[in-house]
Amino acid sequence: MDAKPEPGPLSESSELLFSFGVIADIQYADLEDGYNFQGSRRRYYRHSLLHLQGAIEHWNKESSPPSCVLQLGDIIDGYNAQYKASEKSLELIMNTFQRLKVPVHHAWGNHEFYNFSRDYLTNSKLNTKFLEDQIAHHPETVPSENYYAYHFVPFPKFRFILLDAYDMSILGVDQSSPKYQQCLKILREHNPNTELNSPQGLAEPQFVQFNGGFSQEQLNWLNEVLTFSDRNQEKVVIVSHLPIYPEASDSVCLAWNYRDVLAVIWSHKCVVCFFAGHTHDGGYSEDPFGVHHVNIEGVIETAPDSQAFGTVHVYPDKMMLKGKGRVPDRIMNYKKENAFHL
């Protein structure tokens, strides 16, 4: 029998089902270029708006447009709060997103909470929970109001779950609240530094103020949704601002209790991909259970002559990320038992 030729790196070996866009860490501010906290990486605050406009133009022109776009958090920079420009900058970015011809799902990152309280975000255009799917007869899959998370179905048998990585955090919550006190206690137990944003000397460097974690309540809800997806033979994509897999991320960028999320995901067969932002550098690794962890490179540290976004093309047996600029192409094959037999 003749051996079949190997498909090229991004060849379409099977029927395209649908696609979706990904973009992370836009961090717009009406400021001159600056640098990151360590002073080692340049940040293009104003130019991030032009990068976003370029991404939207690209998605709007695609011959088969994406079914939706995932905005992975940190949509405007924390500096806006200092200059009393948070609402103005957010309005500018949201007006830009309105040019997009498909729905956008917004994850919340640390910079959302540098600019706004959780209550403000809940009542803002950054709350895209209205796009959620509701599974009749399964009330356990309905998220609580205590965290910002939901699931949706962009294509039959594919469920996307957007998680709240700052559900446990000292950012954006009232300092007099029990939740703030509880989260501050967790942070201080793991981080004795006076500067809580510093990972210096920490055995677990993810325990810094600019990260957060997932409450047990949210993890229980995630478990219920994944149980439903397992039974329904769905494939699941999870979306979070914070990454959860050490091999795909700088350890200082991980969610506080990343191991707890991995334990839930690994107890199910349905999850194929986990998309995150936050690191700005990007990252990728396939874990031992065949879940692909993809960290998208941040727009904020992308030079004016480059770009940072991607479109994920979904097939019965794999997902293919077609990246632009700093975002590399990636092929994410499903685990054998996860491949569709159409």
C-alpha atoms as a PDB file:
ATOM      1  CA  MET A   1       0.000   0.000   0.000  1.00  0.00           C
ATOM      2  CA  ASP A   2       1.384   3.407  -0.923  1.00  0.00           C
ATOM      3  CA  ALA A   3       2.197   5.635   2.026  1.00  0.00           C
ATOM      4  CA  LYS A   4       0.154   8.832   2.075  1.00  0.00           C
ATOM      5  CA  PRO A   5       2.227  12.005   1.738  1.00  0.00           C
ATOM      6  CA  GLU A   6       2.576  13.909   4.980  1.00  0.00           C
ATOM      7  CA  PRO A   7       0.270  16.947   5.064  1.00  0.00           C
ATOM      8  CA  GLY A   8       2.099  20.302   5.088  1.00  0.00           C
ATOM      9  CA  PRO A   9       2.407  22.289   8.321  1.00  0.00           C
ATOM     10  CA  LEU A  10      -0.977  23.993   7.925  1.00  0.00           C
ATOM     11  CA  SER A  11      -2.569  21.986   5.132  1.00  0.00           C
ATOM     12  CA  GLU A  12      -6.285  21.327   5.376  1.00  0.00           C
ATOM     13  CA  SER A  13      -6.447  17.563   5.536  1.00  0.00           C
ATOM     14  CA  SER A  14     -10.102  17.456   6.586  1.00  0.00           C
ATOM     15  CA  GLU A  15     -13.234  19.575   6.523  1.00  0.00           C
ATOM     16  CA  LEU A  16     -13.027  22.974   8.226  1.00  0.00           C
ATOM     17  CA  LEU A  17     -15.833  23.165  10.806  1.00  0.00           C
ATOM     18  CA  PHE A  18     -15.468  26.742  12.070  1.00  0.00           C
ATOM     19  CA  SER A  19     -12.847  29.221  13.265  1.00  0.00           C
ATOM     20  CA  PHE A  20     -12.365  31.753  16.058  1.00  0.00           C
ATOM     21  CA  GLY A  21     -10.019  34.679  16.676  1.00  0.00           C
ATOM     22  CA  VAL A  22      -7.662  35.164  19.649  1.00  0.00           C
ATOM     23  CA  ILE A  23      -6.009  38.337  20.940  1.00  0.00           C
ATOM     24  CA  ALA A  24      -4.435  39.130  24.319  1.00  0.00           C
ATOM     25  CA  ASP A  25      -3.079  41.934  26.508  1.00  0.00           C
ATOM     26  CA  ILE A  26      -3.914  44.964  24.365  1.00  0.00           C
ATOM     27  CA  GLN A  27      -3.285  47.246  27.394  1.00  0.00           C
ATOM     28  CA  TYR A  28      -4.076  50.458  25.534  1.00  0.00           C
ATOM     29  CA  ALA A  29      -3.237  53.823  27.083  1.00  0.00           C
ATOM     30  CA  ASP A  30      -2.839  57.255  25.492  1.00  0.00           C
ATOM     31  CA  LEU A  31       0.813  57.381  26.556  1.00  0.00           C
ATOM     32  CA  GLU A  32       4.283  57.444  25.037  1.00  0.00           C
ATOM     33  CA  ASP A  33       6.047  54.072  24.861  1.00  0.00           C
ATOM     34  CA  GLY A  34       7.308  52.775  28.192  1.00  0.00           C
ATOM     35  CA  TYR A  35       8.788  49.629  29.711  1.00  0.00           C
ATOM     36  CA  ASN A  36       7.673  46.710  31.851  1.00  0.00           C
ATOM     37  CA  PHE A  37       8.147  46.600  35.640  1.00  0.00           C
ATOM     38  CA  GLN A  38      11.732  45.327  35.303  1.00  0.00           C
ATOM     39  CA  GLY A  39      12.557  47.922  32.621  1.00  0.00           C
ATOM     40  CA  SER A  40      13.592  45.188  30.184  1.00  0.00           C
ATOM     41  CA  ARG A  41      10.761  45.105  27.634  1.00  0.00           C
ATOM     42  CA  ARG A  42       9.277  47.951  25.649  1.00  0.00           C
ATOM     43  CA  ARG A  43       5.534  48.629  25.790  1.00  0.00           C
ATOM     44  CA  TYR A  44       3.728  50.351  22.918  1.00  0.00           C
ATOM     45  CA  TYR A  45       0.738  51.882  24.727  1.00  0.00           C
ATOM     46  CA  ARG A  46      -0.708  53.983  21.899  1.00  0.00           C
ATOM     47  CA  HIS A  47       0.208  51.626  19.089  1.00  0.00           C
ATOM     48  CA  SER A  48      -1.766  48.771  20.659  1.00  0.00           C
ATOM     49  CA  LEU A  49      -4.928  50.466  19.341  1.00  0.00           C
ATOM     50  CA  LEU A  50      -3.559  50.281  15.773  1.00  0.00           C
ATOM     51  CA  HIS A  51      -2.687  46.614  16.276  1.00  0.00           C
ATOM     52  CA  LEU A  52      -6.263  45.950  17.408  1.00  0.00           C
ATOM     53  CA  GLN A  53      -7.644  47.816  14.373  1.00  0.00           C
ATOM     54  CA  GLY A  54      -5.422  45.702  12.114  1.00  0.00           C
ATOM     55  CA  ALA A  55      -6.640  42.472  13.717  1.00  0.00           C
ATOM     56  CA  ILE A  56     -10.290  43.482  13.328  1.00  0.00           C
ATOM     57  CA  GLU A  57      -9.781  44.437   9.677  1.00  0.00           C
ATOM     58  CA  HIS A  58      -8.170  41.044   9.066  1.00  0.00           C
ATOM     59  CA  TRP A  59     -11.018  39.096  10.739  1.00  0.00           C
ATOM     60  CA  ASN A  60     -13.675  41.112   8.912  1.00  0.00           C
ATOM     61  CA  LYS A  61     -12.017  40.351   5.556  1.00  0.00           C
ATOM     62  CA  GLU A  62     -11.501  36.600   6.064  1.00  0.00           C
ATOM     63  CA  SER A  63     -13.290  34.593   3.360  1.00  0.00           C
ATOM     64  CA  SER A  64     -14.945  32.471   6.050  1.00  0.00           C
ATOM     65  CA  PRO A  65     -15.171  34.862   9.004  1.00  0.00           C
ATOM     66  CA  PRO A  66     -14.522  33.542  12.529  1.00  0.00           C
ATOM     67  CA  SER A  67     -17.593  32.595  14.557  1.00  0.00           C
ATOM     68  CA  CYS A  68     -16.314  34.743  17.435  1.00  0.00           C
ATOM     69  CA  VAL A  69     -13.196  36.353  18.900  1.00  0.00           C
ATOM     70  CA  LEU A  70     -11.693  35.628  22.329  1.00  0.00           C
ATOM     71  CA  GLN A  71     -10.200  38.718  23.992  1.00  0.00           C
ATOM     72  CA  LEU A  72      -8.039  37.194  26.702  1.00  0.00           C
ATOM     73  CA  GLY A  73      -7.949  40.129  29.146  1.00  0.00           C
ATOM     74  CA  ASP A  74      -5.930  43.263  30.026  1.00  0.00           C
ATOM     75  CA  ILE A  75      -7.777  45.317  27.439  1.00  0.00           C
ATOM     76  CA  ILE A  76      -6.513  48.691  28.751  1.00  0.00           C
ATOM     77  CA  ASP A  77      -3.429  49.409  30.845  1.00  0.00           C
ATOM     78  CA  GLY A  78      -3.416  50.127  34.579  1.00  0.00           C
ATOM     79  CA  TYR A  79      -1.727  53.471  33.917  1.00  0.00           C
ATOM     80  CA  ASN A  80      -5.132  54.777  32.786  1.00  0.00           C
ATOM     81  CA  ALA A  81      -6.298  54.807  36.413  1.00  0.00           C
ATOM     82  CA  GLN A  82      -3.400  57.088  37.398  1.00  0.00           C
ATOM     83  CA  TYR A  83      -4.360  59.567  34.680  1.00  0.00           C
ATOM     84  CA  LYS A  84      -8.126  59.313  35.373  1.00  0.00           C
ATOM     85  CA  ALA A  85      -8.526  58.017  31.820  1.00  0.00           C
ATOM     86  CA  SER A  86      -9.932  54.527  32.465  1.00  0.00           C
ATOM     87  CA  GLU A  87     -13.459  55.141  31.153  1.00  0.00           C
ATOM     88  CA  LYS A  88     -12.282  57.166  28.155  1.00  0.00           C
ATOM     89  CA  SER A  89      -9.718  54.508  27.104  1.00  0.00           C
ATOM     90  CA  LEU A  90     -12.187  51.676  27.587  1.00  0.00           C
ATOM     91  CA  GLU A  91     -14.785  53.493  25.488  1.00  0.00           C
ATOM     92  CA  LEU A  92     -12.249  54.014  22.682  1.00  0.00           C
ATOM     93  CA  ILE A  93     -11.286  50.328  22.646  1.00  0.00           C
ATOM     94  CA  MET A  94     -14.896  49.116  22.876  1.00  0.00           C
ATOM     95  CA  ASN A  95     -15.907  51.425  20.011  1.00  0.00           C
ATOM     96  CA  THR A  96     -13.077  49.874  17.997  1.00  0.00           C
ATOM     97  CA  PHE A  97     -14.355  46.364  18.807  1.00  0.00           C
ATOM     98  CA  GLN A  98     -17.802  47.415  17.542  1.00  0.00           C
ATOM     99  CA  ARG A  99     -16.358  47.360  14.018  1.00  0.00           C
ATOM    100  CA  LEU A 100     -15.895  43.603  14.391  1.00  0.00           C
ATOM    101  CA  LYS A 101     -18.654  41.751  12.521  1.00  0.00           C
ATOM    102  CA  VAL A 102     -18.734  38.816  14.949  1.00  0.00           C
ATOM    103  CA  PRO A 103     -19.262  38.525  18.737  1.00  0.00           C
ATOM    104  CA  VAL A 104     -16.303  39.035  21.083  1.00  0.00           C
ATOM    105  CA  HIS A 105     -15.971  37.291  24.447  1.00  0.00           C
ATOM    106  CA  HIS A 106     -14.046  39.278  27.059  1.00  0.00           C
ATOM    107  CA  ALA A 107     -11.964  37.627  29.798  1.00  0.00           C
ATOM    108  CA  TRP A 108     -10.953  39.798  32.779  1.00  0.00           C
ATOM    109  CA  GLY A 109      -7.301  40.252  33.753  1.00  0.00           C
ATOM    110  CA  ASN A 110      -5.383  42.186  36.407  1.00  0.00           C
ATOM    111  CA  HIS A 111      -5.418  45.422  34.390  1.00  0.00           C
ATOM    112  CA  GLU A 112      -9.234  45.411  34.304  1.00  0.00           C
ATOM    113  CA  PHE A 113      -9.087  45.446  38.107  1.00  0.00           C
ATOM    114  CA  TYR A 114      -6.411  48.170  38.255  1.00  0.00           C
ATOM    115  CA  ASN A 115      -8.921  50.378  36.436  1.00  0.00           C
ATOM    116  CA  PHE A 116     -12.312  49.246  37.691  1.00  0.00           C
ATOM    117  CA  SER A 117     -14.039  47.541  40.594  1.00  0.00           C
ATOM    118  CA  ARG A 118     -15.648  44.141  40.041  1.00  0.00           C
ATOM    119  CA  ASP A 119     -19.085  45.763  40.393  1.00  0.00           C
ATOM    120  CA  TYR A 120     -18.230  48.260  37.647  1.00  0.00           C
ATOM    121  CA  LEU A 121     -17.005  45.486  35.305  1.00  0.00           C
ATOM    122  CA  THR A 122     -20.146  43.430  35.953  1.00  0.00           C
ATOM    123  CA  ASN A 123     -22.269  46.332  34.691  1.00  0.00           C
ATOM    124  CA  SER A 124     -19.946  47.232  31.782  1.00  0.00           C
ATOM    125  CA  LYS A 125     -19.655  46.151  28.146  1.00  0.00           C
ATOM    126  CA  LEU A 126     -16.758  43.921  29.232  1.00  0.00           C
ATOM    127  CA  ASN A 127     -19.342  41.569  30.740  1.00  0.00           C
ATOM    128  CA  THR A 128     -20.225  39.251  27.838  1.00  0.00           C
ATOM    129  CA  LYS A 129     -22.109  36.717  29.942  1.00  0.00           C
ATOM    130  CA  PHE A 130     -25.244  37.499  27.885  1.00  0.00           C
ATOM    131  CA  LEU A 131     -23.639  35.348  25.138  1.00  0.00           C
ATOM    132  CA  GLU A 132     -23.768  32.253  27.367  1.00  0.00           C
ATOM    133  CA  ASP A 133     -25.386  28.950  26.514  1.00  0.00           C
ATOM    134  CA  GLN A 134     -27.970  27.634  28.947  1.00  0.00           C
ATOM    135  CA  ILE A 135     -28.369  23.890  29.233  1.00  0.00           C
ATOM    136  CA  ALA A 136     -32.006  23.154  29.991  1.00  0.00           C
ATOM    137  CA  HIS A 137     -32.565  20.498  32.690  1.00  0.00           C
ATOM    138  CA  HIS A 138     -29.016  20.929  34.037  1.00  0.00           C
ATOM    139  CA  PRO A 139     -29.160  23.790  36.568  1.00  0.00           C
ATOM    140  CA  GLU A 140     -25.776  22.681  37.965  1.00  0.00           C
ATOM    141  CA  THR A 141     -24.146  24.057  34.801  1.00  0.00           C
ATOM    142  CA  VAL A 142     -25.421  27.595  35.522  1.00  0.00           C
ATOM    143  CA  PRO A 143     -22.592  29.730  36.965  1.00  0.00           C
ATOM    144  CA  SER A 144     -23.011  31.643  40.205  1.00  0.00           C
ATOM    145  CA  GLU A 145     -23.116  35.446  40.306  1.00  0.00           C
ATOM    146  CA  ASN A 146     -20.121  35.342  42.692  1.00  0.00           C
ATOM    147  CA  TYR A 147     -17.628  35.016  39.846  1.00  0.00           C
ATOM    148  CA  TYR A 148     -17.501  36.007  36.161  1.00  0.00           C
ATOM    149  CA  ALA A 149     -17.602  32.783  34.174  1.00  0.00           C
ATOM    150  CA  TYR A 150     -19.865  31.196  31.598  1.00  0.00           C
ATOM    151  CA  HIS A 151     -19.903  28.699  28.727  1.00  0.00           C
ATOM    152  CA  PHE A 152     -21.076  28.969  25.137  1.00  0.00           C
ATOM    153  CA  VAL A 153     -21.347  26.834  21.999  1.00  0.00           C
ATOM    154  CA  PRO A 154     -19.947  28.445  18.811  1.00  0.00           C
ATOM    155  CA  PHE A 155     -20.503  25.237  16.825  1.00  0.00           C
ATOM    156  CA  PRO A 156     -22.383  21.994  17.616  1.00  0.00           C
ATOM    157  CA  LYS A 157     -20.444  19.682  19.962  1.00  0.00           C
ATOM    158  CA  PHE A 158     -17.841  22.361  20.817  1.00  0.00           C
ATOM    159  CA  ARG A 159     -18.246  24.077  24.174  1.00  0.00           C
ATOM    160  CA  PHE A 160     -16.097  27.034  25.236  1.00  0.00           C
ATOM    161  CA  ILE A 161     -15.751  27.870  28.939  1.00  0.00           C
ATOM    162  CA  LEU A 162     -14.617  31.325  30.021  1.00  0.00           C
ATOM    163  CA  LEU A 163     -13.133  31.296  33.546  1.00  0.00           C
ATOM    164  CA  ASP A 164     -12.624  34.018  36.154  1.00  0.00           C
ATOM    165  CA  ALA A 165      -8.938  33.852  37.133  1.00  0.00           C
ATOM    166  CA  TYR A 166      -9.369  36.706  39.653  1.00  0.00           C
ATOM    167  CA  ASP A 167     -12.267  35.119  41.489  1.00  0.00           C
ATOM    168  CA  MET A 168      -9.790  34.808  44.393  1.00  0.00           C
ATOM    169  CA  SER A 169      -7.809  38.058  44.409  1.00  0.00           C
ATOM    170  CA  ILE A 170      -7.208  41.255  46.335  1.00  0.00           C
ATOM    171  CA  LEU A 171      -7.748  43.256  43.127  1.00  0.00           C
ATOM    172  CA  GLY A 172     -11.068  44.972  42.420  1.00  0.00           C
ATOM    173  CA  VAL A 173     -12.712  43.997  45.717  1.00  0.00           C
ATOM    174  CA  ASP A 174     -13.620  46.197  48.663  1.00  0.00           C
ATOM    175  CA  GLN A 175     -10.874  46.058  51.296  1.00  0.00           C
ATOM    176  CA  SER A 176     -13.480  45.778  54.050  1.00  0.00           C
ATOM    177  CA  SER A 177     -15.045  42.645  52.540  1.00  0.00           C
ATOM    178  CA  PRO A 178     -14.489  39.142  53.975  1.00  0.00           C
ATOM    179  CA  LYS A 179     -13.339  37.956  50.527  1.00  0.00           C
ATOM    180  CA  TYR A 180     -10.576  40.578  50.432  1.00  0.00           C
ATOM    181  CA  GLN A 181      -9.415  39.552  53.910  1.00  0.00           C
ATOM    182  CA  GLN A 182      -9.492  35.858  52.965  1.00  0.00           C
ATOM    183  CA  CYS A 183      -7.483  36.441  49.767  1.00  0.00           C
ATOM    184  CA  LEU A 184      -4.979  38.731  51.494  1.00  0.00           C
ATOM    185  CA  LYS A 185      -4.443  35.998  54.095  1.00  0.00           C
ATOM    186  CA  ILE A 186      -3.771  33.395  51.348  1.00  0.00           C
ATOM    187  CA  LEU A 187      -1.373  35.775  49.590  1.00  0.00           C
ATOM    188  CA  ARG A 188       0.533  36.689  52.785  1.00  0.00           C
ATOM    189  CA  GLU A 189       0.822  33.015  53.813  1.00  0.00           C
ATOM    190  CA  HIS A 190       2.707  32.339  50.569  1.00  0.00           C
ATOM    191  CA  ASN A 191       4.402  35.718  50.087  1.00  0.00           C
ATOM    192  CA  PRO A 192       6.180  37.362  53.054  1.00  0.00           C
ATOM    193  CA  ASN A 193       7.534  40.229  50.887  1.00  0.00           C
ATOM    194  CA  THR A 194       6.514  43.787  51.776  1.00  0.00           C
ATOM    195  CA  GLU A 195       5.940  44.367  48.050  1.00  0.00           C
ATOM    196  CA  LEU A 196       3.260  41.781  47.252  1.00  0.00           C
ATOM    197  CA  ASN A 197       3.952  42.098  43.518  1.00  0.00           C
ATOM    198  CA  SER A 198       7.465  40.762  44.090  1.00  0.00           C
ATOM    199  CA  PRO A 199       8.125  37.014  43.703  1.00  0.00           C
ATOM    200  CA  GLN A 200      11.607  37.375  45.244  1.00  0.00           C
ATOM    201  CA  GLY A 201      12.604  34.316  47.272  1.00  0.00           C
ATOM    202  CA  LEU A 202       9.238  32.574  46.853  1.00  0.00           C
ATOM    203  CA  ALA A 203       9.024  28.795  46.595  1.00  0.00           C
ATOM    204  CA  GLU A 204       5.783  29.341  44.647  1.00  0.00           C
ATOM    205  CA  PRO A 205       6.394  32.538  42.658  1.00  0.00           C
ATOM    206  CA  GLN A 206       2.816  32.692  41.343  1.00  0.00           C
ATOM    207  CA  PHE A 207       1.671  34.041  44.732  1.00  0.00           C
ATOM    208  CA  VAL A 208       1.925  37.709  43.817  1.00  0.00           C
ATOM    209  CA  GLN A 209      -0.707  40.429  43.827  1.00  0.00           C
ATOM    210  CA  PHE A 210      -0.974  40.680  40.024  1.00  0.00           C
ATOM    211  CA  ASN A 211      -2.183  37.064  39.864  1.00  0.00           C
ATOM    212  CA  GLY A 212      -5.296  35.475  41.344  1.00  0.00           C
ATOM    213  CA  GLY A 213      -7.021  32.153  41.667  1.00  0.00           C
ATOM    214  CA  PHE A 214     -10.199  30.128  41.265  1.00  0.00           C
ATOM    215  CA  SER A 215     -12.605  29.610  44.173  1.00  0.00           C
ATOM    216  CA  GLN A 216     -13.775  26.123  45.087  1.00  0.00           C
ATOM    217  CA  GLU A 217     -17.263  27.223  44.048  1.00  0.00           C
ATOM    218  CA  GLN A 218     -16.041  28.056  40.518  1.00  0.00           C
ATOM    219  CA  LEU A 219     -14.018  24.818  40.308  1.00  0.00           C
ATOM    220  CA  ASN A 220     -17.104  22.796  41.318  1.00  0.00           C
ATOM    221  CA  TRP A 221     -19.097  24.548  38.582  1.00  0.00           C
ATOM    222  CA  LEU A 222     -16.339  23.841  36.026  1.00  0.00           C
ATOM    223  CA  ASN A 223     -16.434  20.184  37.051  1.00  0.00           C
ATOM    224  CA  GLU A 224     -20.215  20.068  36.441  1.00  0.00           C
ATOM    225  CA  VAL A 225     -19.911  21.621  32.966  1.00  0.00           C
ATOM    226  CA  LEU A 226     -17.097  19.226  32.012  1.00  0.00           C
ATOM    227  CA  THR A 227     -19.164  16.285  33.313  1.00  0.00           C
ATOM    228  CA  PHE A 228     -21.994  17.369  31.009  1.00  0.00           C
ATOM    229  CA  SER A 229     -19.575  17.774  28.069  1.00  0.00           C
ATOM    230  CA  ASP A 230     -18.083  14.321  28.691  1.00  0.00           C
ATOM    231  CA  ARG A 231     -21.558  12.761  28.642  1.00  0.00           C
ATOM    232  CA  ASN A 232     -22.567  14.758  25.581  1.00  0.00           C
ATOM    233  CA  GLN A 233     -19.306  13.876  23.736  1.00  0.00           C
ATOM    234  CA  GLU A 234     -18.365  17.514  23.284  1.00  0.00           C
ATOM    235  CA  LYS A 235     -14.942  19.022  22.820  1.00  0.00           C
ATOM    236  CA  VAL A 236     -14.095  21.822  25.232  1.00  0.00           C
ATOM    237  CA  VAL A 237     -11.909  24.919  24.906  1.00  0.00           C
ATOM    238  CA  ILE A 238     -11.173  26.784  28.157  1.00  0.00           C
ATOM    239  CA  VAL A 239     -10.380  30.502  28.225  1.00  0.00           C
ATOM    240  CA  SER A 240      -8.682  32.367  31.097  1.00  0.00           C
ATOM    241  CA  HIS A 241      -6.479  35.431  31.481  1.00  0.00           C
ATOM    242  CA  LEU A 242      -4.050  33.461  33.652  1.00  0.00           C
ATOM    243  CA  PRO A 243      -2.278  30.327  32.399  1.00  0.00           C
ATOM    244  CA  ILE A 244      -2.358  27.149  34.486  1.00  0.00           C
ATOM    245  CA  TYR A 245       0.357  24.890  33.060  1.00  0.00           C
ATOM    246  CA  PRO A 246       3.969  25.515  34.179  1.00  0.00           C
ATOM    247  CA  GLU A 247       5.539  24.109  31.003  1.00  0.00           C
ATOM    248  CA  ALA A 248       3.726  26.721  28.899  1.00  0.00           C
ATOM    249  CA  SER A 249       4.339  29.737  31.107  1.00  0.00           C
ATOM    250  CA  ASP A 250       6.783  31.656  33.235  1.00  0.00           C
ATOM    251  CA  SER A 251       6.019  30.400  36.781  1.00  0.00           C
ATOM    252  CA  VAL A 252       5.477  33.966  38.037  1.00  0.00           C
ATOM    253  CA  CYS A 253       2.464  34.283  35.695  1.00  0.00           C
ATOM    254  CA  LEU A 254       0.508  31.188  36.761  1.00  0.00           C
ATOM    255  CA  ALA A 255      -2.807  31.246  38.618  1.00  0.00           C
ATOM    256  CA  TRP A 256      -2.345  30.852  42.390  1.00  0.00           C
ATOM    257  CA  ASN A 257      -4.035  27.429  42.544  1.00  0.00           C
ATOM    258  CA  TYR A 258      -3.254  26.270  39.006  1.00  0.00           C
ATOM    259  CA  ARG A 259      -2.868  22.677  40.254  1.00  0.00           C
ATOM    260  CA  ASP A 260      -6.517  22.612  41.380  1.00  0.00           C
ATOM    261  CA  VAL A 261      -7.742  23.632  37.914  1.00  0.00           C
ATOM    262  CA  LEU A 262      -5.495  21.065  36.238  1.00  0.00           C
ATOM    263  CA  ALA A 263      -6.852  18.362  38.578  1.00  0.00           C
ATOM    264  CA  VAL A 264     -10.426  19.159  37.499  1.00  0.00           C
ATOM    265  CA  ILE A 265      -9.522  19.273  33.791  1.00  0.00           C
ATOM    266  CA  TRP A 266      -7.488  16.068  33.967  1.00  0.00           C
ATOM    267  CA  SER A 267     -10.392  14.186  35.562  1.00  0.00           C
ATOM    268  CA  HIS A 268     -12.351  14.614  32.281  1.00  0.00           C
ATOM    269  CA  LYS A 269     -11.743  13.587  28.688  1.00  0.00           C
ATOM    270  CA  CYS A 270     -13.402  16.492  26.869  1.00  0.00           C
ATOM    271  CA  VAL A 271     -10.888  19.372  27.174  1.00  0.00           C
ATOM    272  CA  VAL A 272      -8.701  19.880  24.111  1.00  0.00           C
ATOM    273  CA  CYS A 273      -7.301  23.412  24.541  1.00  0.00           C
ATOM    274  CA  PHE A 274      -6.655  26.029  27.218  1.00  0.00           C
ATOM    275  CA  PHE A 275      -6.084  29.592  25.953  1.00  0.00           C
ATOM    276  CA  ALA A 276      -4.532  32.270  28.177  1.00  0.00           C
ATOM    277  CA  GLY A 277      -2.775  35.626  27.981  1.00  0.00           C
ATOM    278  CA  HIS A 278      -0.908  37.498  30.753  1.00  0.00           C
ATOM    279  CA  THR A 279       2.656  36.376  29.985  1.00  0.00           C
ATOM    280  CA  HIS A 280       3.128  38.771  26.981  1.00  0.00           C
ATOM    281  CA  ASP A 281       5.838  36.368  25.731  1.00  0.00           C
ATOM    282  CA  GLY A 282       3.428  33.638  24.717  1.00  0.00           C
ATOM    283  CA  GLY A 283       4.026  29.958  25.336  1.00  0.00           C
ATOM    284  CA  TYR A 284       2.844  26.497  24.415  1.00  0.00           C
ATOM    285  CA  SER A 285       2.893  22.973  25.771  1.00  0.00           C
ATOM    286  CA  GLU A 286       0.826  19.812  25.426  1.00  0.00           C
ATOM    287  CA  ASP A 287       0.259  18.286  28.852  1.00  0.00           C
ATOM    288  CA  PRO A 288       0.394  14.504  29.611  1.00  0.00           C
ATOM    289  CA  PHE A 289      -3.387  14.276  29.141  1.00  0.00           C
ATOM    290  CA  GLY A 290      -3.269  15.723  25.634  1.00  0.00           C
ATOM    291  CA  VAL A 291      -4.575  19.193  26.550  1.00  0.00           C
ATOM    292  CA  HIS A 292      -2.890  21.944  24.525  1.00  0.00           C
ATOM    293  CA  HIS A 293      -1.980  24.998  26.632  1.00  0.00           C
ATOM    294  CA  VAL A 294      -1.620  28.064  24.402  1.00  0.00           C
ATOM    295  CA  ASN A 295      -0.527  31.452  25.758  1.00  0.00           C
ATOM    296  CA  ILE A 296      -1.051  34.183  23.185  1.00  0.00           C
ATOM    297  CA  GLU A 297       1.681  36.819  22.798  1.00  0.00           C
ATOM    298  CA  GLY A 298       0.649  40.232  24.149  1.00  0.00           C
ATOM    299  CA  VAL A 299      -0.247  43.106  21.839  1.00  0.00           C
ATOM    300  CA  ILE A 300       1.235  45.615  24.325  1.00  0.00           C
ATOM    301  CA  GLU A 301       4.829  44.447  23.737  1.00  0.00           C
ATOM    302  CA  THR A 302       4.474  44.092  19.972  1.00  0.00           C
ATOM    303  CA  ALA A 303       6.527  46.518  17.857  1.00  0.00           C
ATOM    304  CA  PRO A 304       4.675  48.768  15.372  1.00  0.00           C
ATOM    305  CA  ASP A 305       6.038  46.808  12.375  1.00  0.00           C
ATOM    306  CA  SER A 306       4.700  43.483  13.685  1.00  0.00           C
ATOM    307  CA  GLN A 307       1.350  42.112  14.923  1.00  0.00           C
ATOM    308  CA  ALA A 308       0.000  39.795  17.662  1.00  0.00           C
ATOM    309  CA  PHE A 309      -3.229  37.893  17.079  1.00  0.00           C
ATOM    310  CA  GLY A 310      -4.345  34.642  15.535  1.00  0.00           C
ATOM    311  CA  THR A 311      -7.205  32.696  14.032  1.00  0.00           C
ATOM    312  CA  VAL A 312      -7.836  29.126  15.159  1.00  0.00           C
ATOM    313  CA  HIS A 313      -9.245  26.856  12.450  1.00  0.00           C
ATOM    314  CA  VAL A 314     -11.179  23.926  13.869  1.00  0.00           C
ATOM    315  CA  TYR A 315     -11.296  20.521  12.147  1.00  0.00           C
ATOM    316  CA  PRO A 316     -12.789  17.166  13.188  1.00  0.00           C
ATOM    317  CA  ASP A 317      -9.336  15.892  14.271  1.00  0.00           C
ATOM    318  CA  LYS A 318      -7.389  19.028  15.244  1.00  0.00           C
ATOM    319  CA  MET A 319      -7.213  22.778  15.733  1.00  0.00           C
ATOM    320  CA  MET A 320      -4.764  24.904  13.762  1.00  0.00           C
ATOM    321  CA  LEU A 321      -3.654  28.288  15.036  1.00  0.00           C
ATOM    322  CA  LYS A 322      -2.685  30.583  12.188  1.00  0.00           C
ATOM    323  CA  GLY A 323      -0.736  33.337  13.896  1.00  0.00           C
ATOM    324  CA  LYS A 324       0.097  36.849  12.724  1.00  0.00           C
ATOM    325  CA  GLY A 325       3.330  38.659  13.584  1.00  0.00           C
ATOM    326  CA  ARG A 326       4.664  37.437  16.933  1.00  0.00           C
ATOM    327  CA  VAL A 327       2.047  34.691  17.246  1.00  0.00           C
ATOM    328  CA  PRO A 328       3.406  31.460  15.742  1.00  0.00           C
ATOM    329  CA  ASP A 329       1.420  28.852  13.831  1.00  0.00           C
ATOM    330  CA  ARG A 330       0.552  25.795  15.904  1.00  0.00           C
ATOM    331  CA  ILE A 331      -1.142  22.463  15.213  1.00  0.00           C
ATOM    332  CA  MET A 332      -3.135  21.002  18.105  1.00  0.00           C
ATOM    333  CA  ASN A 333      -4.145  17.412  17.367  1.00  0.00           C
ATOM    334  CA  TYR A 334      -6.902  15.962  19.533  1.00  0.00           C
ATOM    335  CA  LYS A 335      -6.138  12.917  21.643  1.00  0.00           C
ATOM    336  CA  LYS A 336      -7.086   9.799  19.697  1.00  0.00           C
ATOM    337  CA  GLU A 337     -10.303   9.212  21.667  1.00  0.00           C
ATOM    338  CA  ASN A 338     -11.190  12.870  21.109  1.00  0.00           C
ATOM    339  CA  ALA A 339     -11.079  12.883  17.312  1.00  0.00           C
ATOM    340  CA  PHE A 340     -14.507  13.175  15.704  1.00  0.00           C
ATOM    341  CA  HIS A 341     -15.647  10.414  13.422  1.00  0.00           C
ATOM    342  CA  LEU A 342     -17.966  12.294  11.116  1.00  0.00           C
END
